[in-house]
Amino acid sequence: MAIVVKQKKLKCEICKKEIPVSVAKTSEGADYVHHFCSEECHHHYFEQRPEEKKSKKKK
């Protein structure tokens, strides 16, 4: 008999795909945490929000 372990899932900030916590890529700021399913979605997020990328580098 196989043991089934349910993993908590998150939604990608860009494409809204459900992903297991264990494979999610995260980007943390002072007041937020964003989760992404891939490097592509991660880069796309910061292309749309260059001000967040700049403030992240200053810290």
N, C-alpha and C. Protein backbone atom coordinates (compact mmCIF):
# COMPACT_ATOMS: atom_id res chain seq x y z
N MET A 1 0.84 -1.17 0.00
CA MET A 1 0.00 0.00 0.00
C MET A 1 0.89 1.25 0.00
N ALA A 2 0.63 2.16 -0.90
CA ALA A 2 1.41 3.39 -1.01
C ALA A 2 0.87 4.44 -0.03
N ILE A 3 1.77 5.20 0.53
CA ILE A 3 1.38 6.29 1.42
C ILE A 3 1.29 7.56 0.59
N VAL A 4 0.16 8.23 0.67
CA VAL A 4 -0.06 9.45 -0.09
C VAL A 4 0.13 10.64 0.85
N VAL A 5 1.02 11.54 0.47
CA VAL A 5 1.28 12.73 1.25
C VAL A 5 0.79 13.92 0.44
N LYS A 6 -0.13 14.66 1.02
CA LYS A 6 -0.63 15.85 0.32
C LYS A 6 0.31 17.01 0.57
N GLN A 7 0.73 17.65 -0.51
CA GLN A 7 1.59 18.82 -0.40
C GLN A 7 0.75 20.07 -0.52
N LYS A 8 1.12 21.07 0.25
CA LYS A 8 0.46 22.36 0.13
C LYS A 8 0.79 22.93 -1.24
N LYS A 9 -0.19 23.53 -1.88
CA LYS A 9 0.03 24.12 -3.20
C LYS A 9 -0.17 25.63 -3.15
N LEU A 10 0.56 26.30 -4.00
CA LEU A 10 0.49 27.75 -4.15
C LEU A 10 0.11 28.06 -5.59
N LYS A 11 -0.26 29.30 -5.85
CA LYS A 11 -0.53 29.72 -7.23
C LYS A 11 0.59 30.64 -7.69
N CYS A 12 1.04 30.41 -8.91
CA CYS A 12 2.04 31.27 -9.53
C CYS A 12 1.47 32.68 -9.65
N GLU A 13 2.27 33.66 -9.31
CA GLU A 13 1.84 35.07 -9.34
C GLU A 13 1.47 35.52 -10.76
N ILE A 14 2.06 34.94 -11.78
CA ILE A 14 1.82 35.35 -13.17
C ILE A 14 0.75 34.51 -13.85
N CYS A 15 0.97 33.21 -13.98
CA CYS A 15 0.07 32.37 -14.77
C CYS A 15 -1.01 31.68 -13.94
N LYS A 16 -0.94 31.80 -12.62
CA LYS A 16 -1.93 31.24 -11.69
C LYS A 16 -1.95 29.71 -11.67
N LYS A 17 -0.93 29.08 -12.23
CA LYS A 17 -0.81 27.62 -12.20
C LYS A 17 -0.56 27.17 -10.76
N GLU A 18 -1.24 26.10 -10.33
CA GLU A 18 -1.00 25.57 -8.99
C GLU A 18 0.30 24.77 -8.98
N ILE A 19 1.14 25.06 -7.99
CA ILE A 19 2.44 24.40 -7.90
C ILE A 19 2.70 23.97 -6.45
N PRO A 20 3.37 22.84 -6.25
CA PRO A 20 3.72 22.41 -4.89
C PRO A 20 4.72 23.39 -4.27
N VAL A 21 4.62 23.59 -2.98
CA VAL A 21 5.54 24.49 -2.27
C VAL A 21 6.99 24.09 -2.51
N SER A 22 7.24 22.81 -2.62
CA SER A 22 8.62 22.31 -2.76
C SER A 22 9.30 22.75 -4.05
N VAL A 23 8.55 23.12 -5.08
CA VAL A 23 9.17 23.53 -6.35
C VAL A 23 8.95 25.00 -6.67
N ALA A 24 8.25 25.72 -5.82
CA ALA A 24 7.96 27.13 -6.07
C ALA A 24 9.22 27.98 -5.94
N LYS A 25 9.37 28.93 -6.83
CA LYS A 25 10.44 29.91 -6.74
C LYS A 25 9.82 31.13 -6.04
N THR A 26 10.53 31.72 -5.09
CA THR A 26 9.96 32.82 -4.33
C THR A 26 10.77 34.09 -4.50
N SER A 27 10.07 35.20 -4.33
CA SER A 27 10.70 36.51 -4.33
C SER A 27 10.12 37.24 -3.12
N GLU A 28 10.99 37.61 -2.18
CA GLU A 28 10.53 38.22 -0.95
C GLU A 28 10.91 39.69 -0.91
N GLY A 29 9.97 40.49 -0.44
CA GLY A 29 10.22 41.91 -0.22
C GLY A 29 9.94 42.22 1.23
N ALA A 30 9.95 43.49 1.57
CA ALA A 30 9.72 43.90 2.95
C ALA A 30 8.33 43.49 3.44
N ASP A 31 7.34 43.62 2.57
CA ASP A 31 5.96 43.38 2.99
C ASP A 31 5.24 42.31 2.18
N TYR A 32 5.95 41.51 1.41
CA TYR A 32 5.28 40.54 0.55
C TYR A 32 6.17 39.35 0.24
N VAL A 33 5.53 38.27 -0.20
CA VAL A 33 6.22 37.10 -0.75
C VAL A 33 5.44 36.68 -1.98
N HIS A 34 6.10 36.59 -3.12
CA HIS A 34 5.47 36.15 -4.36
C HIS A 34 6.02 34.78 -4.72
N HIS A 35 5.18 33.96 -5.33
CA HIS A 35 5.58 32.61 -5.73
C HIS A 35 5.44 32.47 -7.24
N PHE A 36 6.40 31.78 -7.86
CA PHE A 36 6.42 31.60 -9.31
C PHE A 36 6.68 30.14 -9.65
N CYS A 37 6.09 29.69 -10.76
CA CYS A 37 6.26 28.29 -11.18
C CYS A 37 7.55 28.09 -11.97
N SER A 38 8.13 29.18 -12.49
CA SER A 38 9.33 29.04 -13.33
C SER A 38 10.13 30.34 -13.32
N GLU A 39 11.35 30.24 -13.81
CA GLU A 39 12.18 31.44 -13.96
C GLU A 39 11.54 32.41 -14.95
N GLU A 40 10.89 31.87 -15.97
CA GLU A 40 10.24 32.71 -16.98
C GLU A 40 9.16 33.60 -16.34
N CYS A 41 8.32 33.02 -15.50
CA CYS A 41 7.28 33.81 -14.82
C CYS A 41 7.91 34.81 -13.85
N HIS A 42 8.98 34.40 -13.18
CA HIS A 42 9.69 35.29 -12.26
C HIS A 42 10.22 36.52 -13.00
N HIS A 43 10.88 36.32 -14.12
CA HIS A 43 11.41 37.43 -14.91
C HIS A 43 10.29 38.29 -15.48
N HIS A 44 9.22 37.66 -15.92
CA HIS A 44 8.08 38.39 -16.48
C HIS A 44 7.48 39.33 -15.42
N TYR A 45 7.38 38.86 -14.19
CA TYR A 45 6.84 39.67 -13.10
C TYR A 45 7.65 40.95 -12.94
N PHE A 46 8.98 40.84 -12.88
CA PHE A 46 9.81 42.02 -12.66
C PHE A 46 9.95 42.89 -13.91
N GLU A 47 9.73 42.34 -15.08
CA GLU A 47 9.69 43.17 -16.29
C GLU A 47 8.49 44.11 -16.23
N GLN A 48 7.39 43.64 -15.66
CA GLN A 48 6.19 44.46 -15.54
C GLN A 48 6.28 45.45 -14.39
N ARG A 49 7.16 45.21 -13.43
CA ARG A 49 7.27 46.02 -12.23
C ARG A 49 8.73 46.40 -11.96
N PRO A 50 9.33 47.21 -12.82
CA PRO A 50 10.75 47.54 -12.64
C PRO A 50 11.05 48.26 -11.33
N GLU A 51 10.07 48.98 -10.77
CA GLU A 51 10.30 49.69 -9.51
C GLU A 51 10.54 48.72 -8.35
N GLU A 52 9.92 47.55 -8.37
CA GLU A 52 10.16 46.55 -7.32
C GLU A 52 11.55 45.96 -7.46
N LYS A 53 12.01 45.77 -8.67
CA LYS A 53 13.35 45.22 -8.89
C LYS A 53 14.40 46.20 -8.38
N LYS A 54 14.20 47.51 -8.62
CA LYS A 54 15.14 48.52 -8.16
C LYS A 54 15.18 48.59 -6.64
N SER A 55 14.00 48.57 -6.00
CA SER A 55 13.96 48.65 -4.54
C SER A 55 14.55 47.41 -3.90
N LYS A 56 14.43 46.27 -4.56
CA LYS A 56 15.01 45.02 -4.05
C LYS A 56 16.53 45.10 -4.06
N LYS A 57 17.12 45.71 -5.08
CA LYS A 57 18.58 45.81 -5.20
C LYS A 57 19.16 46.76 -4.15
N LYS A 58 18.41 47.79 -3.74
CA LYS A 58 18.91 48.78 -2.80
C LYS A 58 19.11 48.22 -1.40
N LYS A 59 18.42 47.12 -1.06
CA LYS A 59 18.47 46.58 0.30
C LYS A 59 19.67 45.74 0.55
